[in-house]
N, C-alpha and C. Protein backbone atom coordinates (compact mmCIF):
# COMPACT_ATOMS: atom_id res chain seq x y z
N MET A 1 -18.93 -7.64 10.38
CA MET A 1 -19.05 -6.70 9.25
C MET A 1 -17.44 -6.47 8.86
N THR A 2 -16.60 -6.36 7.58
CA THR A 2 -15.43 -6.19 7.75
C THR A 2 -15.00 -5.34 6.78
N LYS A 3 -13.78 -4.85 6.51
CA LYS A 3 -13.39 -4.34 5.47
C LYS A 3 -11.83 -4.36 4.69
N THR A 4 -11.34 -4.55 3.94
CA THR A 4 -10.16 -5.12 3.33
C THR A 4 -9.28 -3.82 2.76
N LEU A 5 -8.18 -4.20 3.24
CA LEU A 5 -6.65 -3.00 3.31
C LEU A 5 -5.49 -3.77 2.33
N THR A 6 -5.74 -3.25 1.20
CA THR A 6 -4.32 -3.81 0.68
C THR A 6 -3.12 -2.49 0.80
N ILE A 7 -2.13 -3.19 1.50
CA ILE A 7 -1.17 -2.25 1.79
C ILE A 7 0.32 -2.53 0.57
N VAL A 8 0.60 -1.55 0.01
CA VAL A 8 1.75 -2.02 -0.94
C VAL A 8 3.28 -0.72 -0.82
N ARG A 9 4.39 -1.10 -0.39
CA ARG A 9 5.13 -0.61 -0.41
C ARG A 9 5.69 -0.15 -2.24
N HIS A 10 6.16 0.85 -2.15
CA HIS A 10 6.76 1.26 -3.46
C HIS A 10 7.68 0.17 -4.46
N ALA A 11 7.28 0.46 -5.76
CA ALA A 11 8.24 -0.78 -6.32
C ALA A 11 9.58 -0.15 -6.40
N LYS A 12 10.71 -1.06 -6.93
CA LYS A 12 12.32 -0.50 -7.19
C LYS A 12 11.97 0.98 -7.67
N ALA A 13 12.89 1.75 -7.12
CA ALA A 13 12.94 2.99 -7.77
C ALA A 13 14.60 3.35 -7.93
N GLU A 14 15.24 4.11 -8.69
CA GLU A 14 16.80 4.62 -8.84
C GLU A 14 17.13 4.49 -7.84
N ARG A 15 18.65 4.48 -7.81
CA ARG A 15 19.37 5.03 -6.43
C ARG A 15 19.16 6.26 -6.52
N PRO A 16 19.24 6.90 -5.27
CA PRO A 16 19.20 8.73 -4.96
C PRO A 16 20.00 9.79 -5.64
N GLU A 17 21.65 8.99 -5.65
CA GLU A 17 22.42 10.06 -6.61
C GLU A 17 22.16 10.11 -7.94
N GLY A 18 21.89 11.46 -8.14
CA GLY A 18 21.78 11.96 -9.85
C GLY A 18 20.69 12.76 -9.38
N PHE A 19 19.74 12.93 -8.37
CA PHE A 19 18.32 13.57 -8.14
C PHE A 19 17.93 14.41 -7.23
N ALA A 20 18.15 15.39 -7.74
CA ALA A 20 17.88 16.70 -6.23
C ALA A 20 17.10 16.06 -5.12
N SER A 21 15.54 15.70 -5.12
CA SER A 21 15.34 14.85 -3.96
C SER A 21 14.80 14.00 -4.08
N ASP A 22 14.90 13.33 -2.79
CA ASP A 22 14.39 11.69 -2.40
C ASP A 22 13.06 11.88 -3.22
N PHE A 23 12.01 13.01 -3.14
CA PHE A 23 11.00 13.00 -3.45
C PHE A 23 10.44 12.52 -5.26
N ASP A 24 11.64 12.79 -6.10
CA ASP A 24 11.91 12.83 -7.28
C ASP A 24 12.22 11.97 -8.16
N ARG A 25 12.79 10.53 -7.13
CA ARG A 25 12.84 9.36 -7.68
C ARG A 25 12.15 8.56 -8.63
N PRO A 26 12.74 8.31 -9.81
CA PRO A 26 11.68 7.49 -10.56
C PRO A 26 11.74 5.87 -10.23
N LEU A 27 10.77 4.93 -10.76
CA LEU A 27 11.16 3.58 -10.43
C LEU A 27 12.28 3.15 -11.53
N THR A 28 12.45 1.87 -11.77
CA THR A 28 13.38 1.31 -12.52
C THR A 28 12.69 0.64 -13.37
N THR A 29 13.27 -0.07 -15.06
CA THR A 29 13.04 -0.88 -15.57
C THR A 29 11.50 -2.10 -14.30
N ARG A 30 12.70 -2.32 -13.75
CA ARG A 30 12.07 -3.71 -12.94
C ARG A 30 11.11 -3.27 -11.90
N GLY A 31 10.99 -1.78 -11.84
CA GLY A 31 10.38 -1.35 -10.42
C GLY A 31 8.61 -0.73 -11.53
N GLN A 32 8.40 -1.08 -12.27
CA GLN A 32 7.79 -0.96 -13.67
C GLN A 32 7.05 -1.93 -13.82
N ASN A 33 8.15 -3.11 -14.42
CA ASN A 33 6.90 -3.70 -14.55
C ASN A 33 6.82 -5.00 -13.44
N ASP A 34 7.33 -4.68 -12.35
CA ASP A 34 6.84 -4.98 -10.98
C ASP A 34 5.28 -4.61 -10.37
N ALA A 35 4.89 -3.16 -10.78
CA ALA A 35 4.22 -2.96 -10.63
C ALA A 35 2.48 -3.83 -11.58
N GLU A 36 3.13 -3.68 -12.70
CA GLU A 36 2.21 -4.21 -13.21
C GLU A 36 1.66 -5.66 -13.28
N ARG A 37 2.65 -6.32 -12.82
CA ARG A 37 2.27 -7.46 -12.07
C ARG A 37 1.34 -7.67 -10.80
N ILE A 38 1.81 -7.07 -9.85
CA ILE A 38 0.82 -6.47 -8.67
C ILE A 38 -0.41 -6.50 -9.47
N GLY A 39 -0.66 -5.84 -10.17
CA GLY A 39 -1.93 -5.03 -10.64
C GLY A 39 -2.98 -6.53 -11.01
N ALA A 40 -1.92 -6.60 -11.78
CA ALA A 40 -2.40 -8.36 -12.33
C ALA A 40 -3.34 -9.51 -11.14
N ALA A 41 -2.05 -9.61 -9.82
CA ALA A 41 -2.93 -10.32 -9.26
C ALA A 41 -3.51 -9.64 -8.34
N LEU A 42 -3.75 -8.32 -8.50
CA LEU A 42 -4.84 -7.68 -7.36
C LEU A 42 -6.23 -7.68 -8.28
N LYS A 43 -6.05 -7.32 -9.38
CA LYS A 43 -7.25 -7.21 -9.78
C LYS A 43 -8.35 -8.17 -9.67
N ARG A 44 -7.50 -9.98 -8.88
CA ARG A 44 -8.31 -10.99 -9.03
C ARG A 44 -9.15 -10.82 -7.71
N LEU A 45 -8.78 -9.92 -7.01
CA LEU A 45 -9.05 -10.10 -5.25
C LEU A 45 -10.78 -9.32 -5.40
N ILE A 46 -11.38 -10.54 -4.46
CA ILE A 46 -12.63 -9.90 -4.08
C ILE A 46 -12.70 -9.27 -2.80
N PRO A 47 -13.62 -8.09 -2.11
CA PRO A 47 -14.06 -7.46 -3.23
C PRO A 47 -12.89 -6.41 -4.04
N PRO A 48 -13.22 -5.97 -5.19
CA PRO A 48 -12.24 -4.85 -5.68
C PRO A 48 -11.77 -3.28 -5.01
N ILE A 49 -11.04 -3.41 -5.35
CA ILE A 49 -9.93 -2.30 -4.92
C ILE A 49 -11.11 -0.99 -5.12
N ASP A 50 -11.95 -0.28 -4.12
CA ASP A 50 -12.64 0.96 -4.66
C ASP A 50 -12.14 2.02 -4.01
N TRP A 51 -11.07 2.50 -3.19
CA TRP A 51 -10.89 3.73 -2.70
C TRP A 51 -9.07 3.13 -2.98
N TRP A 52 -8.28 4.53 -3.68
CA TRP A 52 -6.73 4.27 -4.06
C TRP A 52 -6.43 5.44 -3.03
N VAL A 53 -5.23 5.62 -2.14
CA VAL A 53 -4.78 6.36 -1.39
C VAL A 53 -2.90 5.96 -1.86
N SER A 54 -2.50 7.46 -2.08
CA SER A 54 -1.01 7.30 -2.27
C SER A 54 -0.08 8.32 -1.86
N SER A 55 1.29 7.82 -1.23
CA SER A 55 2.05 9.25 -1.50
C SER A 55 2.01 10.02 -2.53
N PRO A 56 2.59 11.25 -2.92
CA PRO A 56 2.71 11.55 -4.53
C PRO A 56 4.30 11.66 -4.75
N ALA A 57 4.64 10.95 -4.01
CA ALA A 57 6.50 11.21 -4.11
C ALA A 57 6.33 10.33 -5.52
N LEU A 58 7.33 10.39 -6.62
CA LEU A 58 6.85 10.05 -7.80
C LEU A 58 7.47 8.73 -8.08
N ARG A 59 8.01 7.76 -7.18
CA ARG A 59 7.91 6.26 -7.30
C ARG A 59 6.36 6.13 -6.72
N THR A 60 6.42 6.54 -5.64
CA THR A 60 5.15 5.43 -5.37
C THR A 60 4.05 6.62 -6.63
N ARG A 61 3.69 7.32 -7.41
CA ARG A 61 2.85 7.82 -7.53
C ARG A 61 2.70 6.69 -8.96
N GLN A 62 4.02 6.22 -9.71
CA GLN A 62 4.31 5.64 -10.77
C GLN A 62 3.82 4.05 -10.28
N THR A 63 4.28 3.75 -9.32
CA THR A 63 3.59 2.27 -8.47
C THR A 63 2.29 1.94 -8.70
N VAL A 64 1.40 3.36 -8.13
CA VAL A 64 0.45 3.13 -8.26
C VAL A 64 -0.33 3.09 -9.04
N GLU A 65 0.27 4.03 -10.30
CA GLU A 65 0.05 4.34 -11.57
C GLU A 65 -0.51 3.23 -12.52
N GLY A 66 1.02 2.38 -12.37
CA GLY A 66 0.76 1.24 -13.04
C GLY A 66 0.06 -0.24 -11.98
N ILE A 67 -0.38 -0.19 -11.26
CA ILE A 67 -0.66 -1.28 -10.47
C ILE A 67 -2.49 -0.67 -11.01
N HIS A 68 -2.95 0.22 -11.33
CA HIS A 68 -4.14 0.70 -11.24
C HIS A 68 -4.01 0.95 -12.73
N ALA A 69 -3.72 1.06 -13.90
CA ALA A 69 -3.81 0.52 -15.12
C ALA A 69 -4.22 -0.78 -15.37
N VAL A 70 -3.76 -1.92 -14.38
CA VAL A 70 -4.20 -2.44 -14.89
C VAL A 70 -5.97 -3.18 -13.71
N ALA A 71 -5.90 -2.95 -12.60
CA ALA A 71 -6.71 -3.12 -11.81
C ALA A 71 -7.60 -2.12 -11.22
N GLY A 72 -7.36 -1.28 -12.04
CA GLY A 72 -7.94 0.38 -11.18
C GLY A 72 -9.56 0.49 -11.79
N ALA A 73 -10.19 -0.23 -12.73
CA ALA A 73 -11.76 -0.34 -13.06
C ALA A 73 -12.45 1.25 -12.92
N GLY A 74 -11.48 2.26 -13.36
CA GLY A 74 -11.50 3.45 -13.23
C GLY A 74 -12.14 4.42 -11.83
N GLN A 75 -11.78 3.77 -10.52
CA GLN A 75 -11.93 4.25 -9.52
C GLN A 75 -10.62 5.46 -9.48
N PRO A 76 -10.20 6.52 -9.12
CA PRO A 76 -9.76 7.75 -9.03
C PRO A 76 -8.62 7.64 -7.98
N ILE A 77 -7.46 8.20 -8.09
CA ILE A 77 -6.62 7.35 -7.11
C ILE A 77 -6.55 9.14 -6.41
N GLN A 78 -6.39 8.86 -5.03
CA GLN A 78 -6.09 10.17 -3.86
C GLN A 78 -4.79 10.35 -3.86
N TRP A 79 -4.37 11.44 -3.72
CA TRP A 79 -2.63 11.88 -3.78
C TRP A 79 -2.86 12.21 -2.23
N GLU A 80 -1.94 11.93 -1.44
CA GLU A 80 -1.81 12.15 0.21
C GLU A 80 -0.32 12.36 0.90
N PRO A 81 -0.33 14.13 0.73
CA PRO A 81 0.99 13.92 0.98
C PRO A 81 1.51 13.64 2.36
N ALA A 82 0.84 13.52 3.17
CA ALA A 82 0.98 12.83 4.52
C ALA A 82 1.76 11.48 4.66
N ILE A 83 1.61 10.56 3.35
CA ILE A 83 1.46 9.70 3.28
C ILE A 83 3.27 9.24 2.87
N TYR A 84 4.17 10.64 2.55
CA TYR A 84 5.51 10.51 2.23
C TYR A 84 5.97 10.30 3.53
N GLU A 85 6.76 9.33 3.62
CA GLU A 85 7.91 9.19 4.79
C GLU A 85 7.43 9.19 6.14
N ALA A 86 5.86 8.88 6.11
CA ALA A 86 5.12 8.68 7.06
C ALA A 86 4.88 7.86 8.38
N SER A 87 5.31 7.55 9.52
CA SER A 87 5.31 6.59 10.87
C SER A 87 4.16 5.85 10.57
N ALA A 88 3.87 5.19 10.86
CA ALA A 88 2.90 4.08 11.11
C ALA A 88 1.45 4.98 11.85
N GLU A 89 1.64 5.67 12.86
CA GLU A 89 0.46 6.39 13.59
C GLU A 89 -0.05 7.36 12.55
N THR A 90 0.73 8.03 11.70
CA THR A 90 0.33 8.87 11.01
C THR A 90 -0.69 8.18 9.17
N LEU A 91 0.55 7.23 9.33
CA LEU A 91 -0.28 6.18 8.16
C LEU A 91 -2.09 5.81 8.34
N LEU A 92 -2.03 5.27 9.75
CA LEU A 92 -3.41 4.80 10.71
C LEU A 92 -4.82 6.18 10.24
N VAL A 93 -3.88 7.49 10.85
CA VAL A 93 -4.93 8.77 10.68
C VAL A 93 -5.37 8.37 9.44
N ALA A 94 -4.08 8.79 8.25
CA ALA A 94 -4.62 8.77 6.84
C ALA A 94 -5.65 8.01 6.40
N LEU A 95 -5.27 6.39 7.06
CA LEU A 95 -6.54 5.75 6.42
C LEU A 95 -7.62 5.51 7.02
N SER A 96 -7.77 6.48 8.38
CA SER A 96 -8.93 6.22 9.49
C SER A 96 -10.08 7.51 8.52
N ARG A 97 -9.49 8.28 7.17
CA ARG A 97 -10.46 9.04 6.47
C ARG A 97 -11.18 8.47 5.67
N ILE A 98 -10.95 7.38 5.02
CA ILE A 98 -11.17 6.36 4.19
C ILE A 98 -13.02 6.76 4.12
N PRO A 99 -13.67 7.12 2.84
CA PRO A 99 -15.10 7.44 3.31
C PRO A 99 -16.24 6.01 3.72
N PRO A 100 -16.98 5.62 4.51
CA PRO A 100 -17.40 4.80 4.96
C PRO A 100 -17.51 3.54 4.35
N GLU A 101 -18.10 4.33 2.91
CA GLU A 101 -19.09 3.05 1.77
C GLU A 101 -17.52 2.70 1.51
N ALA A 102 -16.18 3.13 1.49
CA ALA A 102 -15.16 2.17 0.68
C ALA A 102 -15.00 0.89 1.51
N GLU A 103 -14.92 -0.48 0.40
CA GLU A 103 -15.17 -1.92 1.29
C GLU A 103 -13.85 -2.22 1.30
N HIS A 104 -12.49 -1.65 -0.02
CA HIS A 104 -11.59 -2.27 -0.32
C HIS A 104 -10.87 -1.24 -0.92
N ALA A 105 -9.58 -0.83 0.39
CA ALA A 105 -8.65 0.56 0.25
C ALA A 105 -7.44 -0.07 -0.20
N LEU A 106 -6.24 0.70 -0.99
CA LEU A 106 -5.40 0.44 -1.53
C LEU A 106 -4.53 1.88 -0.94
N ILE A 107 -3.40 1.40 -0.65
CA ILE A 107 -2.23 2.62 0.08
C ILE A 107 -0.70 2.15 -0.43
N VAL A 108 -0.21 2.90 -1.08
CA VAL A 108 0.78 2.89 -1.66
C VAL A 108 2.10 3.69 -0.71
N GLY A 109 2.82 3.52 -0.25
CA GLY A 109 4.01 4.17 0.63
C GLY A 109 5.43 3.88 0.73
N HIS A 110 6.00 3.94 1.51
CA HIS A 110 7.26 3.89 1.96
C HIS A 110 7.55 3.24 3.15
N ASN A 111 8.31 2.99 3.45
CA ASN A 111 9.13 2.02 4.41
C ASN A 111 9.83 3.31 5.69
N PRO A 112 9.91 3.38 6.16
CA PRO A 112 9.53 1.78 7.35
C PRO A 112 8.40 2.14 8.02
N GLY A 113 7.24 2.70 7.56
CA GLY A 113 5.83 2.90 7.70
C GLY A 113 5.32 1.89 7.35
N MET A 114 5.19 1.42 5.83
CA MET A 114 4.41 0.43 5.82
C MET A 114 4.54 -0.81 6.33
N GLU A 115 6.45 -1.16 6.45
CA GLU A 115 6.07 -2.41 7.27
C GLU A 115 5.17 -2.08 8.86
N GLU A 116 5.56 -1.14 9.30
CA GLU A 116 5.34 -0.89 10.96
C GLU A 116 3.54 -0.63 10.78
N LEU A 117 2.94 -0.57 9.56
CA LEU A 117 1.66 -0.35 9.29
C LEU A 117 0.53 -1.99 9.88
N VAL A 118 1.48 -2.63 8.59
CA VAL A 118 1.16 -4.35 8.79
C VAL A 118 1.51 -4.63 10.09
N ALA A 119 2.04 -4.50 10.50
CA ALA A 119 2.19 -5.09 11.91
C ALA A 119 1.77 -4.54 12.73
N GLY A 120 1.24 -3.54 13.22
CA GLY A 120 0.39 -2.58 14.14
C GLY A 120 -0.80 -3.40 13.60
N LEU A 121 -1.65 -3.17 12.25
CA LEU A 121 -3.20 -3.69 12.31
C LEU A 121 -3.05 -5.43 12.51
N ALA A 122 -1.46 -5.75 12.28
CA ALA A 122 -1.84 -7.52 12.36
C ALA A 122 -1.40 -7.85 13.86
N ALA A 123 -0.30 -7.15 14.38
CA ALA A 123 -0.45 -8.08 15.97
C ALA A 123 -0.35 -6.99 16.85
N GLY A 124 -0.90 -6.17 16.96
CA GLY A 124 -1.70 -5.24 18.05
C GLY A 124 -0.74 -3.86 18.17
N ALA A 125 0.79 -3.52 17.96
CA ALA A 125 1.63 -2.85 17.54
C ALA A 125 2.79 -2.57 17.07
N PRO A 126 3.07 -1.78 16.14
CA PRO A 126 3.97 -2.12 15.08
C PRO A 126 5.12 -2.62 15.49
N GLU A 127 5.51 -2.47 17.03
CA GLU A 127 6.74 -3.41 16.99
C GLU A 127 6.84 -5.03 17.85
N ARG A 128 5.23 -5.05 17.79
CA ARG A 128 4.67 -6.56 18.40
C ARG A 128 5.14 -7.49 17.03
N LEU A 129 5.06 -7.45 16.01
CA LEU A 129 5.72 -8.14 14.91
C LEU A 129 6.44 -7.65 14.29
N ASN A 130 8.05 -8.36 13.68
CA ASN A 130 9.49 -7.95 12.71
C ASN A 130 8.90 -8.31 11.24
N LEU A 131 8.45 -7.67 10.94
CA LEU A 131 7.81 -7.99 8.75
C LEU A 131 8.64 -6.94 8.30
N ARG A 132 9.43 -7.90 6.95
CA ARG A 132 10.14 -7.23 6.23
C ARG A 132 9.27 -7.14 5.01
N MET A 133 9.18 -5.92 4.14
CA MET A 133 8.80 -5.44 3.18
C MET A 133 9.56 -5.24 2.19
N PRO A 134 10.31 -5.93 1.35
CA PRO A 134 10.96 -5.43 0.17
C PRO A 134 9.85 -4.34 -0.32
N THR A 135 11.20 -3.98 -1.43
CA THR A 135 9.97 -2.89 -2.75
C THR A 135 9.43 -4.12 -3.54
N ALA A 136 7.94 -3.56 -3.81
CA ALA A 136 6.83 -3.88 -4.71
C ALA A 136 6.43 -5.39 -3.36
N ALA A 137 6.66 -4.77 -2.63
CA ALA A 137 5.82 -6.11 -1.56
C ALA A 137 4.33 -5.58 -0.96
N VAL A 138 3.44 -6.98 -0.96
CA VAL A 138 2.32 -6.40 -0.92
C VAL A 138 1.78 -7.43 0.48
N ALA A 139 1.11 -6.22 1.39
CA ALA A 139 0.49 -7.25 2.45
C ALA A 139 -1.50 -6.84 2.35
N HIS A 140 -1.89 -7.71 2.29
CA HIS A 140 -3.59 -7.75 2.60
C HIS A 140 -4.23 -8.24 3.45
N LEU A 141 -4.96 -7.16 3.96
CA LEU A 141 -5.45 -7.27 5.11
C LEU A 141 -6.96 -7.46 5.47
N GLN A 142 -7.86 -7.92 6.23
CA GLN A 142 -8.89 -8.38 6.74
C GLN A 142 -9.44 -7.66 7.87
N LEU A 143 -10.22 -6.59 8.51
CA LEU A 143 -10.16 -5.16 9.72
C LEU A 143 -11.47 -5.82 9.82
N GLU A 144 -11.43 -5.82 10.92
CA GLU A 144 -12.59 -6.18 12.13
C GLU A 144 -13.33 -4.64 12.57
N LEU A 145 -14.05 -4.24 11.72
CA LEU A 145 -14.63 -2.94 11.76
C LEU A 145 -15.64 -2.46 10.48
N PHE A 146 -16.67 -1.75 10.87
CA PHE A 146 -17.39 -1.36 9.94
C PHE A 146 -17.30 0.16 9.40
N ARG A 147 -16.47 0.67 10.39
CA ARG A 147 -15.99 2.07 9.27
C ARG A 147 -14.84 2.42 9.38
N TRP A 148 -14.06 3.18 8.73
CA TRP A 148 -12.79 3.19 8.33
C TRP A 148 -12.01 4.30 10.01
N ASP A 149 -12.99 4.87 10.85
CA ASP A 149 -12.78 5.95 11.48
C ASP A 149 -12.79 4.76 12.73
N GLN A 150 -12.59 3.66 12.62
CA GLN A 150 -12.85 2.93 13.47
C GLN A 150 -11.81 2.21 13.42
N LEU A 151 -10.78 2.42 12.57
CA LEU A 151 -9.39 1.91 12.97
C LEU A 151 -8.39 1.65 13.47
N ARG A 152 -7.92 0.77 14.16
CA ARG A 152 -6.73 0.78 15.21
C ARG A 152 -5.71 -0.34 15.06
N TRP A 153 -5.01 -0.43 16.00
CA TRP A 153 -4.29 -1.26 15.92
C TRP A 153 -4.27 -2.88 16.55
N GLY A 154 -4.12 -3.69 15.26
CA GLY A 154 -5.03 -5.05 16.38
C GLY A 154 -5.88 -5.43 15.23
N CYS A 155 -6.63 -4.74 14.38
CA CYS A 155 -8.13 -5.14 14.11
C CYS A 155 -7.80 -5.59 12.70
N GLY A 156 -6.54 -6.30 12.25
CA GLY A 156 -6.54 -6.86 11.10
C GLY A 156 -5.93 -8.43 11.23
N LEU A 157 -6.32 -8.80 9.97
CA LEU A 157 -6.13 -10.15 9.92
C LEU A 157 -4.95 -10.36 8.54
N LEU A 158 -3.87 -10.36 8.68
CA LEU A 158 -2.92 -10.75 7.49
C LEU A 158 -3.13 -11.88 6.91
N GLU A 159 -3.71 -11.68 5.63
CA GLU A 159 -4.15 -13.03 4.74
C GLU A 159 -3.28 -13.17 4.03
N LEU A 160 -2.84 -12.29 3.14
CA LEU A 160 -1.60 -12.21 1.86
C LEU A 160 -0.36 -11.48 2.02
N LEU A 161 0.68 -11.99 2.23
CA LEU A 161 1.86 -10.97 1.80
C LEU A 161 2.85 -11.83 0.77
N PHE A 162 3.43 -10.64 -0.50
CA PHE A 162 3.85 -11.74 -1.41
C PHE A 162 4.96 -10.26 -2.06
N THR A 163 5.73 -10.68 -3.17
CA THR A 163 6.89 -10.21 -3.27
C THR A 163 6.40 -10.18 -4.79
N PRO A 164 6.18 -9.36 -5.90
CA PRO A 164 6.16 -9.90 -7.31
C PRO A 164 6.66 -10.92 -7.74
N LYS A 165 8.37 -11.03 -7.22
CA LYS A 165 9.01 -11.72 -7.76
C LYS A 165 8.30 -13.50 -7.77
N LEU A 166 7.40 -13.84 -6.23
CA LEU A 166 6.88 -15.18 -6.30
C LEU A 166 5.38 -15.22 -7.40
N LEU A 167 5.38 -13.74 -8.34
CA LEU A 167 4.35 -14.25 -9.01
C LEU A 167 5.04 -14.34 -10.29
N LYS A 168 6.28 -14.38 -10.56
CA LYS A 168 6.81 -14.44 -11.85
C LYS A 168 6.66 -16.45 -11.94
N LYS A 169 6.32 -16.26 -13.44
CA LYS A 169 6.48 -17.79 -14.24
C LYS A 169 7.28 -18.24 -14.33
């Protein structure tokens, strides 16, 4: 039995200057367009995404909402404060709480945690794979497990790694 995990780094956000806090930075126009482009690509995946979880920071909220508007199929988004600026280990714990009936989860968050999470799941430890995820990058993995609480380093097979730039016509 396998589970499917899609990991997305938030799309391009405004520069931090001029914002009261990093948490409140919105997406740029390019970031909003990239989120919709990602949604169109993810809508075609099988199984469809049936669990959505995101950092509540403004740029991640806008990213996941843009993806969800195109590929959401009515599933609610879970807002998880622990994902904001989280380490790979914290992200692993957050994902292990996904209900066992979910087959395909999507998580939207921040670097370096997103890069380290992909590396750890695919290579056995975050430091074993030098992986780059620019803004709006998507990693899609198959996980060898029956339940999300069995999530561990090295249980994933990285099937796709792409950016919205690769999807442009």
